[in-house]
Amino acid sequence: MVQSLNTTRELTDKGTWYKNGPFYGHVMVGDCAFEFYNDTKLQDYIQIPWDEIAYVVADVYFGGKYIPRFEIRTKNNGTFRFSTRNSRATLKAIQAHIPRESLRKAPSAFYLLKLRFSNLGSLFSHKV
């Protein structure tokens, strides 16, 4: 059995970890770490201490009404994508433990298309 890093838990919700496919389990936000435990395989779990998190990026749609998934980027161990049933409550619980500057909104699809076309326009207007 896996020993939790948290002494108290603030939020527990059903969630999905997108590793090489979806892994379904439970997300726990506590006083010491963000944790994910798989329902079927006990060896598929992740524990991320709060001081290890560099920043959190959330996909936000409809002015914050819908948040389908979020991504936790750590200082040393890479990127982890999660989604929970209530992502807004999960992000609010995470916000209590990391600095406000570490929460970021992912760029929208419209912004990325605009960026691509502006780069394409500068390519054609460049004189040789």
Protein backbone atom coordinates (compact mmCIF):
# COMPACT_ATOMS: atom_id res chain seq x y z
CA MET A 1 0.00 0.00 0.00
CA VAL A 2 1.17 3.51 -0.82
CA GLN A 3 1.84 5.91 2.05
CA SER A 4 0.39 9.37 1.49
CA LEU A 5 2.57 12.46 1.89
CA ASN A 6 -0.37 14.51 3.20
CA THR A 7 -1.40 14.66 6.85
CA THR A 8 -4.75 16.31 6.04
CA ARG A 9 -6.65 16.21 2.79
CA GLU A 10 -8.49 19.24 1.55
CA LEU A 11 -10.06 17.85 -1.62
CA THR A 12 -10.60 14.40 -3.06
CA ASP A 13 -12.16 13.91 -6.48
CA LYS A 14 -12.32 11.34 -9.26
CA GLY A 15 -9.79 12.17 -11.92
CA THR A 16 -7.85 11.08 -14.97
CA TRP A 17 -4.09 11.15 -15.46
CA TYR A 18 -3.07 11.33 -19.13
CA LYS A 19 0.21 9.44 -19.21
CA ASN A 20 0.36 7.31 -22.40
CA GLY A 21 -3.36 6.97 -22.33
CA PRO A 22 -5.93 7.70 -19.68
CA PHE A 23 -5.47 6.28 -16.18
CA TYR A 24 -8.55 6.63 -13.99
CA GLY A 25 -8.33 7.10 -10.27
CA HIS A 26 -8.59 9.64 -7.46
CA VAL A 27 -6.92 13.02 -7.12
CA MET A 28 -6.11 14.22 -3.61
CA VAL A 29 -5.04 17.74 -2.70
CA GLY A 30 -3.63 17.99 0.79
CA ASP A 31 -1.41 20.11 2.96
CA CYS A 32 1.91 18.69 1.68
CA ALA A 33 1.38 17.43 -1.89
CA PHE A 34 -0.80 16.82 -4.94
CA GLU A 35 -1.46 13.09 -5.28
CA PHE A 36 -3.06 10.77 -7.83
CA TYR A 37 -3.91 7.14 -7.10
CA ASN A 38 -4.99 4.69 -9.80
CA ASP A 39 -8.11 2.62 -9.19
CA THR A 40 -6.92 -0.62 -10.78
CA LYS A 41 -3.11 -0.66 -10.56
CA LEU A 42 -1.71 0.31 -7.19
CA GLN A 43 1.77 0.90 -8.62
CA ASP A 44 0.47 3.70 -10.90
CA TYR A 45 0.41 6.64 -8.52
CA ILE A 46 2.05 10.04 -8.43
CA GLN A 47 2.89 12.31 -5.51
CA ILE A 48 4.04 15.85 -6.29
CA PRO A 49 5.15 17.97 -3.30
CA TRP A 50 4.17 21.64 -3.42
CA ASP A 51 7.77 22.87 -3.51
CA GLU A 52 8.43 20.70 -6.61
CA ILE A 53 5.73 22.41 -8.75
CA ALA A 54 7.06 25.09 -11.10
CA TYR A 55 3.66 26.14 -12.43
CA VAL A 56 0.17 24.92 -13.35
CA VAL A 57 -1.34 25.54 -16.79
CA ALA A 58 -5.13 25.28 -17.20
CA ASP A 59 -7.16 25.06 -20.40
CA VAL A 60 -9.92 27.62 -19.89
CA TYR A 61 -12.99 27.94 -22.12
CA PHE A 62 -16.04 30.21 -22.11
CA GLY A 63 -14.52 32.79 -19.80
CA GLY A 64 -13.65 30.29 -17.07
CA LYS A 65 -16.97 28.43 -17.06
CA TYR A 66 -15.42 25.23 -18.42
CA ILE A 67 -11.97 23.88 -17.49
CA PRO A 68 -11.53 20.41 -19.03
CA ARG A 69 -7.95 19.69 -17.95
CA PHE A 70 -4.87 21.15 -16.35
CA GLU A 71 -1.18 20.47 -16.54
CA ILE A 72 1.31 20.44 -13.68
CA ARG A 73 4.87 21.27 -14.70
CA THR A 74 7.51 20.36 -12.15
CA LYS A 75 11.01 21.69 -11.66
CA ASN A 76 12.81 18.37 -12.24
CA ASN A 77 10.43 15.60 -13.32
CA GLY A 78 8.54 16.95 -16.33
CA THR A 79 4.89 17.55 -17.14
CA PHE A 80 1.77 15.78 -15.91
CA ARG A 81 -1.74 16.29 -17.39
CA PHE A 82 -4.84 15.71 -15.29
CA SER A 83 -8.56 16.25 -15.43
CA THR A 84 -11.06 15.93 -12.61
CA ARG A 85 -14.81 16.01 -12.37
CA ASN A 86 -14.65 19.47 -10.86
CA SER A 87 -11.45 21.01 -12.17
CA ARG A 88 -12.34 24.48 -10.93
CA ALA A 89 -12.51 23.32 -7.29
CA THR A 90 -9.30 21.35 -7.74
CA LEU A 91 -7.47 24.41 -9.08
CA LYS A 92 -8.80 26.54 -6.22
CA ALA A 93 -7.44 23.99 -3.74
CA ILE A 94 -4.08 24.00 -5.56
CA GLN A 95 -4.06 27.81 -5.56
CA ALA A 96 -3.97 27.83 -1.76
CA HIS A 97 -0.55 26.10 -1.80
CA ILE A 98 1.37 27.63 -4.69
CA PRO A 99 2.03 31.31 -5.55
CA ARG A 100 -0.47 33.14 -7.74
CA GLU A 101 2.21 33.72 -10.38
CA SER A 102 2.53 29.97 -10.85
CA LEU A 103 -1.03 29.60 -12.19
CA ARG A 104 -1.25 30.19 -15.94
CA LYS A 105 -3.92 30.02 -18.60
CA ALA A 106 -3.11 28.00 -21.72
CA PRO A 107 -3.15 29.93 -24.99
CA SER A 108 -6.39 29.57 -26.94
CA ALA A 109 -6.62 27.92 -30.36
CA PHE A 110 -7.54 31.29 -31.93
CA TYR A 111 -4.41 32.89 -30.47
CA LEU A 112 -2.20 30.07 -31.79
CA LEU A 113 -3.71 30.35 -35.30
CA LYS A 114 -3.23 34.11 -35.24
CA LEU A 115 0.39 33.63 -34.21
CA ARG A 116 1.00 31.11 -37.02
CA PHE A 117 -0.52 33.34 -39.69
CA SER A 118 1.38 36.41 -38.51
CA ASN A 119 4.63 34.44 -38.79
CA LEU A 120 3.58 33.22 -42.24
CA GLY A 121 2.88 36.79 -43.39
CA SER A 122 6.31 37.98 -42.28
CA LEU A 123 7.89 35.13 -44.24
CA PHE A 124 6.33 36.26 -47.54
CA SER A 125 6.94 39.98 -46.99
CA HIS A 126 10.65 39.48 -46.24
CA LYS A 127 12.78 40.80 -49.11
CA VAL A 128 15.84 38.91 -50.19
